[in-house]
């Protein structure tokens, strides 16, 4: 399984590199490490949601592990926690 560590800041500047990183791992099982994320912007959140959908369509495993409180809270505020985070993470943080 491939691993991708998300940077601390996922803002407009991070969107292009984030998309490229996901494209480089397309077709592989992927574990996304979100423990260092302190700021998550809307565009990067959209990229994460699109990646989760693409991996689901490809039938490949895609997981987000160890999300920081900021990551979980931001996805919740955007209303995307249910679509992006696993039930275990969502349940613990709710």
C-alpha atoms as a PDB file:
ATOM      1  CA  UNK A   1       0.000   0.000   0.000  1.00  0.00           C
ATOM      2  CA  UNK A   2       1.323   3.421  -0.941  1.00  0.00           C
ATOM      3  CA  UNK A   3       1.383   6.205   1.625  1.00  0.00           C
ATOM      4  CA  UNK A   4       0.952   9.943   1.181  1.00  0.00           C
ATOM      5  CA  UNK A   5       1.687  12.372   4.024  1.00  0.00           C
ATOM      6  CA  UNK A   6      -0.333  15.559   3.800  1.00  0.00           C
ATOM      7  CA  UNK A   7       1.477  18.830   4.537  1.00  0.00           C
ATOM      8  CA  UNK A   8       0.651  21.088   7.468  1.00  0.00           C
ATOM      9  CA  UNK A   9      -1.059  23.674   5.263  1.00  0.00           C
ATOM     10  CA  UNK A  10      -3.469  22.637   2.527  1.00  0.00           C
ATOM     11  CA  UNK A  11      -4.289  25.971   0.941  1.00  0.00           C
ATOM     12  CA  UNK A  12      -4.498  27.301  -2.625  1.00  0.00           C
ATOM     13  CA  UNK A  13      -0.728  26.904  -3.120  1.00  0.00           C
ATOM     14  CA  UNK A  14      -0.901  23.260  -2.050  1.00  0.00           C
ATOM     15  CA  UNK A  15      -3.749  22.321  -4.404  1.00  0.00           C
ATOM     16  CA  UNK A  16      -1.654  21.668  -7.531  1.00  0.00           C
ATOM     17  CA  UNK A  17       0.977  19.556  -5.783  1.00  0.00           C
ATOM     18  CA  UNK A  18      -1.746  17.669  -3.890  1.00  0.00           C
ATOM     19  CA  UNK A  19      -3.562  16.781  -7.096  1.00  0.00           C
ATOM     20  CA  UNK A  20      -0.282  15.686  -8.701  1.00  0.00           C
ATOM     21  CA  UNK A  21       0.545  13.507  -5.698  1.00  0.00           C
ATOM     22  CA  UNK A  22      -2.787  11.734  -5.958  1.00  0.00           C
ATOM     23  CA  UNK A  23      -2.405  11.261  -9.711  1.00  0.00           C
ATOM     24  CA  UNK A  24       1.023   9.678  -9.140  1.00  0.00           C
ATOM     25  CA  UNK A  25      -0.612   7.030  -6.922  1.00  0.00           C
ATOM     26  CA  UNK A  26      -3.709   6.369  -9.049  1.00  0.00           C
ATOM     27  CA  UNK A  27      -4.385   2.673  -9.384  1.00  0.00           C
ATOM     28  CA  UNK A  28      -2.689   1.786  -6.079  1.00  0.00           C
ATOM     29  CA  UNK A  29      -4.123   1.213  -2.638  1.00  0.00           C
ATOM     30  CA  UNK A  30      -3.445   4.465  -0.783  1.00  0.00           C
ATOM     31  CA  UNK A  31      -3.119   5.457   2.851  1.00  0.00           C
ATOM     32  CA  UNK A  32      -3.273   9.225   3.405  1.00  0.00           C
ATOM     33  CA  UNK A  33      -1.628  10.485   6.601  1.00  0.00           C
ATOM     34  CA  UNK A  34      -3.433  13.603   7.849  1.00  0.00           C
ATOM     35  CA  UNK A  35      -1.857  13.940  11.284  1.00  0.00           C
ATOM     36  CA  UNK A  36       0.213  17.048  10.431  1.00  0.00           C
ATOM     37  CA  UNK A  37      -2.620  19.074   8.852  1.00  0.00           C
ATOM     38  CA  UNK A  38      -3.239  22.355  10.674  1.00  0.00           C
ATOM     39  CA  UNK A  39      -5.110  24.214   7.925  1.00  0.00           C
ATOM     40  CA  UNK A  40      -7.391  22.752   5.256  1.00  0.00           C
ATOM     41  CA  UNK A  41      -8.866  24.968   2.573  1.00  0.00           C
ATOM     42  CA  UNK A  42     -11.900  24.295   0.427  1.00  0.00           C
ATOM     43  CA  UNK A  43     -10.035  23.573  -2.807  1.00  0.00           C
ATOM     44  CA  UNK A  44      -7.800  20.944  -1.185  1.00  0.00           C
ATOM     45  CA  UNK A  45     -10.846  19.447   0.488  1.00  0.00           C
ATOM     46  CA  UNK A  46     -12.451  19.117  -2.951  1.00  0.00           C
ATOM     47  CA  UNK A  47      -9.315  17.364  -4.214  1.00  0.00           C
ATOM     48  CA  UNK A  48      -9.436  14.952  -1.273  1.00  0.00           C
ATOM     49  CA  UNK A  49     -13.105  14.212  -1.928  1.00  0.00           C
ATOM     50  CA  UNK A  50     -12.437  13.675  -5.646  1.00  0.00           C
ATOM     51  CA  UNK A  51      -9.558  11.337  -4.813  1.00  0.00           C
ATOM     52  CA  UNK A  52     -11.724   9.278  -2.459  1.00  0.00           C
ATOM     53  CA  UNK A  53     -14.363   8.984  -5.189  1.00  0.00           C
ATOM     54  CA  UNK A  54     -11.791   8.056  -7.856  1.00  0.00           C
ATOM     55  CA  UNK A  55     -10.306   5.330  -5.659  1.00  0.00           C
ATOM     56  CA  UNK A  56     -13.793   3.977  -4.941  1.00  0.00           C
ATOM     57  CA  UNK A  57     -14.593   3.901  -8.661  1.00  0.00           C
ATOM     58  CA  UNK A  58     -11.306   2.069  -9.288  1.00  0.00           C
ATOM     59  CA  UNK A  59     -12.102  -0.419  -6.530  1.00  0.00           C
ATOM     60  CA  UNK A  60      -8.870   0.424  -4.709  1.00  0.00           C
ATOM     61  CA  UNK A  61      -8.496   0.960  -0.945  1.00  0.00           C
ATOM     62  CA  UNK A  62      -8.216   4.597   0.164  1.00  0.00           C
ATOM     63  CA  UNK A  63      -7.925   5.529   3.807  1.00  0.00           C
ATOM     64  CA  UNK A  64      -7.178   8.644   5.806  1.00  0.00           C
ATOM     65  CA  UNK A  65      -5.221   7.798   8.932  1.00  0.00           C
ATOM     66  CA  UNK A  66      -4.596   9.744  12.103  1.00  0.00           C
ATOM     67  CA  UNK A  67      -6.319  12.964  11.082  1.00  0.00           C
ATOM     68  CA  UNK A  68      -5.441  15.955  13.224  1.00  0.00           C
ATOM     69  CA  UNK A  69      -8.157  17.738  15.184  1.00  0.00           C
ATOM     70  CA  UNK A  70      -7.936  20.621  12.702  1.00  0.00           C
ATOM     71  CA  UNK A  71      -8.471  18.239   9.784  1.00  0.00           C
ATOM     72  CA  UNK A  72     -11.482  16.577  11.409  1.00  0.00           C
ATOM     73  CA  UNK A  73     -13.013  19.891  12.511  1.00  0.00           C
ATOM     74  CA  UNK A  74     -12.587  21.510   9.099  1.00  0.00           C
ATOM     75  CA  UNK A  75     -14.158  18.584   7.260  1.00  0.00           C
ATOM     76  CA  UNK A  76     -17.027  18.709   9.770  1.00  0.00           C
ATOM     77  CA  UNK A  77     -17.522  22.458   9.259  1.00  0.00           C
ATOM     78  CA  UNK A  78     -17.651  21.937   5.489  1.00  0.00           C
ATOM     79  CA  UNK A  79     -20.128  19.082   5.992  1.00  0.00           C
ATOM     80  CA  UNK A  80     -17.756  16.603   4.359  1.00  0.00           C
ATOM     81  CA  UNK A  81     -16.800  14.489   7.366  1.00  0.00           C
ATOM     82  CA  UNK A  82     -19.225  11.705   6.508  1.00  0.00           C
ATOM     83  CA  UNK A  83     -17.995  11.538   2.919  1.00  0.00           C
ATOM     84  CA  UNK A  84     -14.291  11.757   3.687  1.00  0.00           C
ATOM     85  CA  UNK A  85     -13.590  10.208   7.078  1.00  0.00           C
ATOM     86  CA  UNK A  86     -14.267   6.670   8.214  1.00  0.00           C
ATOM     87  CA  UNK A  87     -17.151   5.956  10.553  1.00  0.00           C
ATOM     88  CA  UNK A  88     -14.724   5.162  13.371  1.00  0.00           C
ATOM     89  CA  UNK A  89     -13.009   8.554  13.152  1.00  0.00           C
ATOM     90  CA  UNK A  90     -16.283  10.380  12.601  1.00  0.00           C
ATOM     91  CA  UNK A  91     -17.888   8.648  15.570  1.00  0.00           C
ATOM     92  CA  UNK A  92     -15.029   9.348  17.948  1.00  0.00           C
ATOM     93  CA  UNK A  93     -14.851  13.044  17.089  1.00  0.00           C
ATOM     94  CA  UNK A  94     -18.589  13.815  16.979  1.00  0.00           C
END
